[in-house]
Structure formats: C-alpha cells, structure tokens
Protein backbone atom coordinates (compact mmCIF):
# COMPACT_ATOMS: atom_id res chain seq x y z
CA MET A 1 14.03 28.29 -15.07
CA PRO A 2 11.57 29.13 -17.86
CA ARG A 3 10.63 32.77 -18.45
CA LEU A 4 6.85 32.54 -18.08
CA PRO A 5 4.46 35.00 -19.75
CA PRO A 6 2.63 37.44 -17.44
CA GLU A 7 -0.76 35.79 -18.12
CA HIS A 8 0.56 32.62 -16.47
CA ALA A 9 -0.17 34.33 -13.15
CA VAL A 10 -3.89 34.49 -13.96
CA TRP A 11 -4.13 30.71 -14.09
CA MET A 12 -1.40 29.55 -11.72
CA GLY A 13 -0.77 32.41 -9.29
CA PRO A 14 2.18 34.78 -8.75
CA ILE A 15 5.33 34.04 -10.76
CA ASP A 16 8.47 33.64 -8.67
CA SER A 17 11.53 35.65 -9.64
CA PRO A 18 14.96 34.02 -9.95
CA ASP A 19 15.91 35.46 -6.54
CA GLN A 20 12.82 33.90 -4.95
CA VAL A 21 13.57 30.52 -6.49
CA GLN A 22 17.19 30.75 -5.34
CA THR A 23 16.09 31.43 -1.76
CA LYS A 24 13.43 28.71 -1.84
CA TYR A 25 15.75 25.94 -3.00
CA GLY A 26 19.06 27.13 -1.54
CA VAL A 27 20.99 26.90 -4.80
CA ASP A 28 23.95 29.06 -5.81
CA GLU A 29 22.49 30.71 -8.89
CA VAL A 30 19.22 30.79 -10.84
CA HIS A 31 18.93 32.02 -14.42
CA TYR A 32 16.31 31.96 -17.15
CA VAL A 33 16.69 29.30 -19.82
CA ASP A 34 16.99 31.94 -22.53
CA GLU A 35 20.07 33.31 -20.72
CA MET A 36 21.90 29.97 -20.70
CA ILE A 37 24.33 30.60 -23.55
CA THR A 38 25.28 34.02 -22.18
CA VAL A 39 25.82 32.65 -18.67
CA LEU A 40 27.91 29.72 -19.91
CA ALA A 41 29.96 31.91 -22.23
CA THR A 42 30.79 34.18 -19.29
CA ALA A 43 31.62 31.28 -16.95
CA LYS A 44 33.84 29.54 -19.55
CA PRO A 45 33.58 26.03 -18.01
CA PRO A 46 36.39 23.69 -19.16
CA VAL A 47 33.84 20.86 -19.41
CA LEU A 48 30.04 20.92 -19.57
CA HIS A 49 28.61 17.90 -17.72
CA LEU A 50 25.21 16.85 -19.09
CA LEU A 51 22.82 14.37 -17.49
CA SER A 52 22.51 11.17 -19.49
CA GLY A 53 22.06 7.56 -18.39
CA THR A 54 19.74 4.62 -17.81
CA ASN A 55 17.81 3.84 -14.64
CA SER A 56 18.90 0.30 -13.74
CA ASP A 57 15.56 -0.44 -12.08
CA SER A 58 13.07 0.88 -14.64
CA SER A 59 15.39 0.69 -17.70
CA LEU A 60 14.19 4.20 -18.61
CA ARG A 61 16.85 6.32 -20.28
CA ILE A 62 17.57 10.01 -19.78
CA GLU A 63 18.81 11.55 -23.01
CA PRO A 64 21.23 14.47 -22.71
CA PRO A 65 19.73 17.91 -23.27
CA THR A 66 20.50 19.84 -26.42
CA PHE A 67 20.54 23.58 -27.03
CA ASP A 68 21.70 26.01 -29.66
CA GLY A 69 25.38 26.78 -29.25
CA MET A 70 26.22 23.54 -27.44
CA ASP A 71 28.91 22.83 -30.03
CA LYS A 72 30.97 25.67 -28.54
CA PHE A 73 31.63 23.64 -25.36
CA VAL A 74 33.43 20.44 -24.41
CA VAL A 75 30.56 18.12 -23.43
CA GLU A 76 30.82 15.09 -21.11
CA THR A 77 27.83 12.76 -20.50
CA GLU A 78 29.23 9.86 -18.46
CA THR A 79 29.87 11.30 -15.00
CA LEU A 80 26.83 13.26 -13.86
CA HIS A 81 24.29 10.41 -13.90
CA ARG A 82 26.61 8.16 -11.89
CA VAL A 83 27.39 10.87 -9.33
CA LEU A 84 23.75 11.88 -8.85
CA THR A 85 22.75 8.24 -8.51
CA GLU A 86 25.26 7.69 -5.72
CA CYS A 87 24.10 10.90 -4.02
CA ARG A 88 20.59 9.43 -3.92
CA VAL A 89 21.79 6.07 -2.60
CA ARG A 90 22.95 7.54 0.74
CA LYS A 91 20.50 9.85 2.45
CA THR A 92 21.39 12.93 4.50
CA PRO A 93 19.99 13.33 8.04
CA LEU A 94 17.42 15.80 6.71
CA GLU A 95 16.29 13.38 4.01
CA ILE A 96 15.95 10.64 6.61
CA GLU A 97 13.85 12.94 8.79
CA VAL A 98 11.41 13.52 5.92
CA MET A 99 11.23 9.76 5.29
CA ARG A 100 10.71 9.18 9.01
CA TYR A 101 7.65 11.43 8.79
CA ALA A 102 6.30 9.71 5.67
CA ASN A 103 6.66 6.39 7.47
CA ARG A 104 4.90 7.64 10.59
CA ILE A 105 1.90 8.86 8.61
CA ALA A 106 1.71 5.71 6.50
CA SER A 107 2.02 3.54 9.62
CA GLU A 108 -0.89 5.38 11.22
CA ALA A 109 -2.92 5.00 8.03
CA HIS A 110 -2.31 1.25 7.89
CA ILE A 111 -3.49 0.90 11.49
CA LYS A 112 -6.63 2.90 10.65
CA ALA A 113 -7.40 0.55 7.74
CA MET A 114 -6.74 -2.53 9.89
CA ARG A 115 -9.20 -1.32 12.52
CA GLU A 116 -11.89 -0.63 9.94
CA CYS A 117 -11.54 -4.02 8.23
CA ARG A 118 -14.67 -6.19 8.31
CA PRO A 119 -16.00 -9.10 6.23
CA GLY A 120 -18.30 -7.77 3.51
CA MET A 121 -16.28 -4.62 2.84
CA MET A 122 -14.67 -3.97 -0.52
CA GLU A 123 -10.91 -3.87 -0.90
CA TYR A 124 -11.10 -0.31 -2.22
CA GLN A 125 -12.71 0.83 1.03
CA LEU A 126 -9.52 -0.05 2.91
CA GLU A 127 -7.52 1.73 0.21
CA SER A 128 -9.74 4.78 0.68
CA ALA A 129 -9.34 4.73 4.47
CA PHE A 130 -5.57 4.62 4.08
CA LEU A 131 -5.34 7.43 1.53
CA SER A 132 -7.76 9.62 3.47
CA HIS A 133 -5.64 9.46 6.61
CA CYS A 134 -2.42 10.18 4.73
CA TYR A 135 -3.89 13.37 3.30
CA SER A 136 -6.11 14.59 6.13
CA ALA A 137 -3.76 13.79 9.02
CA GLY A 138 -0.39 14.08 7.31
CA GLY A 139 -0.72 16.45 4.37
CA CYS A 140 0.56 13.68 2.09
CA ARG A 141 -1.36 14.40 -1.09
CA HIS A 142 0.18 11.74 -3.32
CA ALA A 143 0.68 8.00 -3.16
CA PRO A 144 4.08 6.93 -4.51
CA TYR A 145 2.56 3.87 -6.23
CA THR A 146 -0.85 2.33 -6.86
CA PRO A 147 -2.09 0.88 -3.55
CA ILE A 148 -2.27 -2.90 -3.29
CA CYS A 149 -5.26 -3.96 -1.17
CA ALA A 150 -5.39 -7.69 -1.80
CA SER A 151 -7.81 -10.04 -0.06
CA GLY A 152 -7.88 -13.83 -0.23
CA PRO A 153 -6.44 -15.22 -3.47
CA ASN A 154 -5.47 -11.74 -4.67
CA GLY A 155 -2.71 -11.69 -2.05
CA ALA A 156 -0.69 -14.08 -4.23
CA VAL A 157 -0.61 -11.52 -7.06
CA LEU A 158 2.49 -9.45 -6.34
CA HIS A 159 1.33 -6.20 -7.96
CA TYR A 160 -2.42 -6.58 -7.59
CA GLY A 161 -4.42 -3.34 -7.58
CA HIS A 162 -3.61 -2.27 -11.14
CA ALA A 163 -6.22 -0.94 -13.58
CA ALA A 164 -7.37 -4.41 -14.63
CA ALA A 165 -7.76 -5.54 -11.01
CA PRO A 166 -8.56 -2.31 -9.13
CA ASN A 167 -8.92 -3.54 -5.53
CA ASN A 168 -12.53 -4.50 -6.21
CA ARG A 169 -13.06 -7.86 -4.47
CA GLN A 170 -15.36 -8.21 -1.47
CA LEU A 171 -13.64 -9.31 1.73
CA GLN A 172 -14.72 -12.72 3.01
CA ASP A 173 -14.59 -14.08 6.54
CA GLY A 174 -11.53 -16.36 6.65
CA ASP A 175 -9.52 -14.29 4.14
CA MET A 176 -6.03 -12.99 4.74
CA MET A 177 -5.57 -9.34 3.81
CA LEU A 178 -2.33 -8.03 2.26
CA CYS A 179 -2.10 -4.23 2.10
CA ASP A 180 0.98 -2.73 0.42
CA MET A 181 0.55 1.05 0.54
CA GLY A 182 2.68 4.10 1.16
CA CYS A 183 2.60 7.88 1.02
CA GLU A 184 4.82 10.61 -0.36
CA TYR A 185 5.93 13.72 1.50
CA HIS A 186 7.95 16.46 -0.22
CA GLY A 187 8.98 13.94 -2.86
CA TYR A 188 10.16 11.21 -0.47
CA ASP A 189 8.34 7.90 -0.28
CA SER A 190 7.29 5.34 2.27
CA ASP A 191 6.50 1.75 1.25
CA ILE A 192 4.87 -0.45 3.91
CA THR A 193 3.07 -3.79 3.75
CA VAL A 194 0.89 -5.29 6.47
CA SER A 195 -0.84 -8.68 6.40
CA PHE A 196 -3.70 -9.58 8.71
CA PRO A 197 -6.82 -11.78 8.95
CA VAL A 198 -10.06 -10.15 7.82
CA SER A 199 -11.83 -11.76 10.78
CA GLY A 200 -9.39 -10.21 13.26
CA LYS A 201 -8.16 -13.62 14.41
CA PHE A 202 -5.47 -15.79 12.78
CA THR A 203 -6.28 -19.40 12.00
CA GLU A 204 -3.60 -21.99 12.77
CA ASP A 205 -2.42 -22.18 9.15
CA GLN A 206 -2.54 -18.40 8.69
CA SER A 207 -0.45 -17.99 11.83
CA ALA A 208 2.10 -20.58 10.66
CA VAL A 209 2.67 -18.81 7.33
CA TYR A 210 2.65 -15.36 8.94
CA ARG A 211 5.17 -16.47 11.56
CA ALA A 212 7.51 -17.83 8.88
CA VAL A 213 7.55 -14.43 7.17
CA LEU A 214 7.88 -12.54 10.44
CA ASP A 215 10.86 -14.69 11.44
CA ALA A 216 12.49 -13.80 8.12
CA SER A 217 11.84 -10.10 8.66
CA ARG A 218 13.19 -10.15 12.21
CA ALA A 219 16.32 -12.09 11.22
CA VAL A 220 17.18 -9.73 8.36
CA ILE A 221 16.60 -6.53 10.33
CA ALA A 222 18.75 -7.88 13.18
CA SER A 223 21.56 -8.60 10.69
CA ILE A 224 21.60 -5.32 8.75
CA ARG A 225 24.71 -3.17 9.13
CA PRO A 226 27.30 -1.57 6.82
CA GLY A 227 29.29 -4.11 4.81
CA VAL A 228 26.58 -6.76 4.72
CA LYS A 229 25.87 -8.06 1.20
CA TRP A 230 22.21 -7.69 0.19
CA PRO A 231 22.06 -11.11 -1.55
CA ASP A 232 23.15 -12.67 1.76
CA MET A 233 20.18 -11.01 3.45
CA HIS A 234 17.89 -12.33 0.72
CA GLY A 235 19.25 -15.83 1.26
CA LEU A 236 18.71 -15.50 5.01
CA ALA A 237 15.07 -14.55 4.43
CA LEU A 238 14.51 -17.50 2.10
CA ARG A 239 16.02 -19.89 4.64
CA LYS A 240 13.85 -18.58 7.49
CA ILE A 241 10.72 -18.88 5.37
CA LEU A 242 11.53 -22.46 4.39
CA GLU A 243 12.24 -23.33 8.02
CA GLY A 244 8.88 -21.87 9.01
CA LEU A 245 7.06 -23.70 6.23
CA LYS A 246 8.70 -26.93 7.37
CA ARG A 247 7.47 -26.36 10.92
CA GLY A 248 3.99 -25.76 9.51
CA GLY A 249 4.07 -29.01 7.56
CA PHE A 250 4.06 -27.45 4.08
CA VAL A 251 7.53 -28.63 3.05
CA GLN A 252 9.70 -31.53 4.17
CA GLY A 253 13.32 -32.60 4.00
CA ASP A 254 16.65 -30.86 4.43
CA VAL A 255 16.50 -27.06 4.26
CA ASP A 256 20.05 -26.86 2.85
CA ALA A 257 18.93 -29.11 -0.01
CA MET A 258 15.88 -26.90 -0.55
CA MET A 259 18.13 -23.85 -0.78
CA GLU A 260 20.36 -25.62 -3.29
CA LYS A 261 17.32 -26.39 -5.46
CA ASP A 262 16.00 -22.79 -5.19
CA LEU A 263 12.77 -24.04 -3.60
CA GLY A 264 12.32 -20.71 -1.85
CA ALA A 265 11.61 -18.98 -5.17
CA LEU A 266 8.34 -20.95 -5.38
CA PHE A 267 7.08 -19.17 -2.28
CA MET A 268 8.93 -15.82 -2.53
CA PRO A 269 9.42 -15.08 -6.23
CA HIS A 270 10.45 -11.45 -5.63
CA GLY A 271 13.51 -9.84 -4.12
CA LEU A 272 13.90 -9.09 -0.42
CA GLY A 273 13.65 -5.35 -0.95
CA HIS A 274 15.00 -2.27 -2.69
CA LEU A 275 16.48 1.15 -2.16
CA ILE A 276 13.82 3.79 -1.49
CA GLY A 277 13.85 7.58 -1.48
CA LEU A 278 12.73 9.96 -4.22
CA ASP A 279 11.47 6.88 -6.07
CA THR A 280 9.79 3.88 -4.47
CA HIS A 281 12.28 1.69 -6.32
CA ASP A 282 15.10 4.18 -6.06
CA VAL A 283 18.18 4.31 -8.25
CA GLY A 284 21.55 2.72 -7.52
CA GLY A 285 20.78 -0.98 -7.19
CA TYR A 286 22.96 -1.87 -10.17
CA GLY A 287 25.41 0.10 -12.27
CA PRO A 288 29.02 0.56 -13.37
CA GLY A 289 31.44 -0.90 -10.85
CA LEU A 290 28.69 -2.56 -8.81
CA PRO A 291 27.95 -6.30 -8.40
CA GLU A 292 25.88 -7.69 -11.25
CA ARG A 293 22.51 -9.39 -11.00
CA ILE A 294 22.76 -13.04 -9.85
CA ASP A 295 21.33 -15.32 -12.53
CA ARG A 296 19.62 -18.09 -10.59
CA PRO A 297 15.91 -18.54 -9.76
CA SER A 298 16.10 -17.51 -6.10
CA TYR A 299 18.09 -14.33 -6.77
CA ARG A 300 17.41 -12.94 -10.23
CA ALA A 301 14.49 -10.77 -9.03
CA LEU A 302 16.73 -8.91 -6.55
CA ARG A 303 16.73 -5.18 -7.22
CA MET A 304 20.30 -4.77 -5.97
CA ALA A 305 23.31 -6.95 -5.19
CA ARG A 306 25.60 -4.41 -3.52
CA GLU A 307 26.89 -4.11 0.04
CA LEU A 308 24.89 -2.02 2.48
CA GLU A 309 26.31 1.37 3.46
CA GLU A 310 25.51 3.80 6.23
CA GLY A 311 22.78 6.21 5.11
CA MET A 312 21.06 3.80 2.72
CA VAL A 313 17.31 3.37 3.18
CA VAL A 314 16.06 -0.04 2.07
CA THR A 315 12.79 -1.92 2.27
CA VAL A 316 12.81 -5.29 4.00
CA GLU A 317 9.84 -7.17 2.57
CA PRO A 318 9.96 -10.95 2.80
CA GLY A 319 6.83 -12.72 1.63
CA CYS A 320 5.29 -16.15 1.25
CA TYR A 321 2.61 -16.84 -1.36
CA PHE A 322 0.62 -19.86 -2.49
CA ASN A 323 0.53 -19.14 -6.21
CA SER A 324 -0.91 -21.90 -8.42
CA PHE A 325 1.14 -20.71 -11.40
CA LEU A 326 4.32 -21.61 -9.52
CA LEU A 327 3.28 -24.43 -7.21
CA LEU A 328 1.20 -26.68 -9.46
CA PRO A 329 4.07 -27.30 -11.92
CA ALA A 330 6.46 -27.78 -8.99
CA LEU A 331 4.24 -30.54 -7.59
CA GLU A 332 4.97 -32.47 -10.81
CA ASP A 333 8.68 -31.57 -11.02
CA GLU A 334 10.94 -34.52 -10.22
CA ASP A 335 13.57 -32.30 -8.59
CA LEU A 336 11.13 -30.37 -6.40
CA LYS A 337 8.03 -32.40 -5.60
CA GLY A 338 9.77 -34.47 -2.93
CA PHE A 339 10.14 -31.33 -0.80
CA LEU A 340 6.47 -30.33 -1.11
CA VAL A 341 3.74 -31.80 1.10
CA LYS A 342 1.06 -32.04 -1.55
CA ASP A 343 -2.10 -32.05 0.57
CA ARG A 344 -0.86 -29.17 2.74
CA ILE A 345 0.13 -27.12 -0.30
CA ALA A 346 -3.21 -27.88 -1.99
CA SER A 347 -5.08 -26.73 1.12
CA ARG A 348 -3.52 -23.26 0.83
CA LEU A 349 -3.86 -22.71 -2.92
CA GLY A 350 -6.27 -19.81 -3.32
CA SER A 351 -5.45 -18.44 0.13
CA GLY A 352 -3.19 -15.68 -1.20
CA GLY A 353 -0.08 -14.77 0.72
CA VAL A 354 1.68 -12.83 3.45
CA ARG A 355 4.16 -9.98 3.03
CA ILE A 356 5.72 -7.90 5.80
CA GLU A 357 7.49 -4.74 4.66
CA ASP A 358 9.40 -2.15 6.67
CA ASP A 359 11.53 0.83 5.62
CA VAL A 360 14.94 0.62 7.30
CA VAL A 361 17.85 3.08 7.55
CA VAL A 362 21.34 1.57 7.67
CA THR A 363 23.21 3.16 10.60
CA ALA A 364 26.88 3.03 11.62
CA ASP A 365 26.42 -0.13 13.68
CA GLY A 366 23.04 -1.56 12.64
CA CYS A 367 19.80 -0.06 11.44
CA GLU A 368 16.76 1.99 12.41
CA ASN A 369 13.30 0.75 11.45
CA LEU A 370 11.25 3.77 10.34
CA THR A 371 8.02 1.75 10.17
CA ASP A 372 5.86 1.40 13.29
CA VAL A 373 2.94 -1.00 12.91
CA PRO A 374 1.93 -4.11 14.90
CA ARG A 375 3.79 -7.19 13.70
CA GLU A 376 3.43 -9.95 16.32
CA PRO A 377 0.21 -11.93 15.65
CA GLU A 378 -1.20 -11.15 19.10
CA ASP A 379 -0.46 -7.44 18.59
CA VAL A 380 -2.19 -7.48 15.19
CA GLU A 381 -5.26 -9.07 16.75
CA ALA A 382 -5.26 -6.61 19.67
CA VAL A 383 -5.01 -3.53 17.44
CA MET A 384 -7.72 -4.82 15.11
CA ALA A 385 -9.93 -5.20 18.20
CA GLY A 386 -9.36 -1.53 19.07
CA ALA A 387 -6.27 -1.52 21.30
CA CYS A 388 -3.96 1.49 21.23
CA TRP A 389 -0.69 1.32 19.37
CA PRO A 390 1.94 1.04 20.68
CA LEU A 391 0.30 -1.33 23.16
CA LYS A 392 2.35 0.14 26.03
CA GLN A 393 0.35 3.37 25.66
CA GLN A 394 -2.78 1.48 26.66
CA LYS A 395 -1.02 -0.15 29.61
CA LEU A 396 0.22 3.23 30.88
CA SER A 397 -3.25 4.76 30.66
CA LYS A 398 -4.85 2.13 32.92
C-alpha cells in the first residue's frame, strides 16, 4: 500500500494503517510500497510472479510492474494472469451471494421503471427511475455499464445509450421498449434486460417476436449444466428464434437450412451471453488451452466457446432485432432472400427489437437464475398495470 502523507487525512479522512488494511481485506500481510525490496529480500522467493497478460474480451493489456532492484530476482510473467483469470471464472458461494443481491436490486429497479413507463416520457426518465432505485433502495452507487433505454427503432441498436445517442428519444404509443441495465454492489455486477410494450399491451406482432425470444431463453436455461458447450447453447437459441419467427410468418422454409445459411445472425447478430462478475464482460471467455473463437457469421460474436463449469455465472441474453443494415441487403441476397417473407420483414423495420437477459449460476446439476422479473407476456402486462411481483404475492393477499 502507498505511504500517504499526513495531510491526505484532511481531504480524504483517516489513513488506515497496514494492520487495519490487513484486517479489512483478510490478507496475510500488508506492507508499504517503499518497503517492498526489503520485504522481498528477507523472504527470498525462488520466483517472483508478476501480473502480465491481455484481457481476451477487451483486448486491453496489463504490463508487468517494474521497480528498482527487480533484476535481483527471478521473474516469471506467464502464470499469474492465467491463474487469476480462472479464479474469476468460477465464483465462490460468497461471491454468488453478492451477485444474488445485485440481481435482486436490479430486478426491483427494472420493475419500477416498467410500472412508470408511459407514452410521452423520455427514455432517460426510465433510466433515472432505474438508477434511483438501485441507489436509494439497494445502496448500489454505480452502474457497471452505460444504461441502454431504447424505445422503438433504437431497440435494434445493440449498444444504444452511448454519448452520441444518450437515451433521449420520446416514447411513442405502439413502441417496444428494450431496457438493458444493471447495478454494481461491492464490485460485482448484474446485467439484466427487459423488453415490454410502452402501451402496456403487446400487439400480435410484438407478442410473436417476444415469444420467439422467450422460447430461446427458456430452452437455454433449461439446458444449462456443467459440461455443456456454450456454442451449442448459442445454436439452440438461434434455432428457437428462427422457429418462432417462422410461426409468426417472418421467415419461411426449412429451419435446418436456415441454420446452415447462418440466417439467425440477421436477427441476433450478437452472442448468447458472457461471463459476468467483477466485470460485466468478465475475463476467461478465451485464452490459452481454451476453445478458439468460431469463425462463421452466426458464432463469431460469441464471447466464449468453452464448456460450462459449476460456479460460473453467465448471462443468457437471446435477442431478435429488425435492423435495416442487416435485413435490407439480405432481402436482395440470392442465398438468403428465399427464407425471408419480404412484406412481413418490411412491416417490422423500424420497430426495434426484443432482448431478454438473465444472470444464471451454473450449479452441480443445472443452474440457478439470479434474475427475478416478469417474463411471460401476460405477467409483463399485469405488472405494468400495477400488479405485485411475484404475482403469487397478490393472490395470497386477497
């Protein structure tokens, strides 16, 4: 730890001693940085492991630290990053408990925003309602990522809400709303997406698209267990979405042939989900000794290709979007246009999209869904109309 000057206390409060820091964090030893050479010389480690490596998700690199006298030690920079990454991949029961809390607060906040939603509001007002609840009711001061509050056509923009598009559209009657927001508690993140009609009632087409995504979500969560390959779960989600779109009259033909042609990537151009923990997109998706990224249109956006293991926490976030950038060229593509029902696709361009995202813990024989928000269309409508959640609470109170 740094040796801070006494005047630091004037601006930032009392300065903790090494003993206080040791007690607070439960570590074996705490020393000042300026004591490092003396401590290491006394310990005489055979090898000095330094943290160095590249985050496979962000591509950001951690350079190894340097200090005077480092040349007196045998330095190794390959092991520590790999070991720490794997430690973060599988969560301890205490880590899961913190993430369970972050999910509970974020779930409550999403429900609050859903209930407040009305035509004529601004997207940022729903963002504000969400963030206010996370802080005031849960003590979650920080959001782990910029909130996505996307109405109407903005729902087809995967990372809407950035500085150039700051959740500033007015909600219109007939819009679908896609809210991808989470909170952070003691460094651990939640990442939840809900999709719902601004009017409080699904139209027939909105319900058809929503149901396709919900079927994908349900199928994946029911299939998660240790040993399952994540790309297989992604493929399952794509298949369920295409089956739902076929029922809704948006695509036609053989679903196996659609899968072979990567048609699903037109509607879900992102991966099924990612590891989550101390980062929203947590480390460990790819790396030495792990399966490599699959280079084909339906799979190359996947943030990991490894098998699921007990203790992993992953997001399950299938989505279906009507994005002109992807669909208009496909309507002219000789290999793809035969699968697309042109008038039905055209009727949904500009409507945005649907994403359903839950945070899921892989258990010994299945999984636990940490997220608790209404998902069935009738439940979404009931909660938006003021019903309690879970709905059984309201039934018990009557």
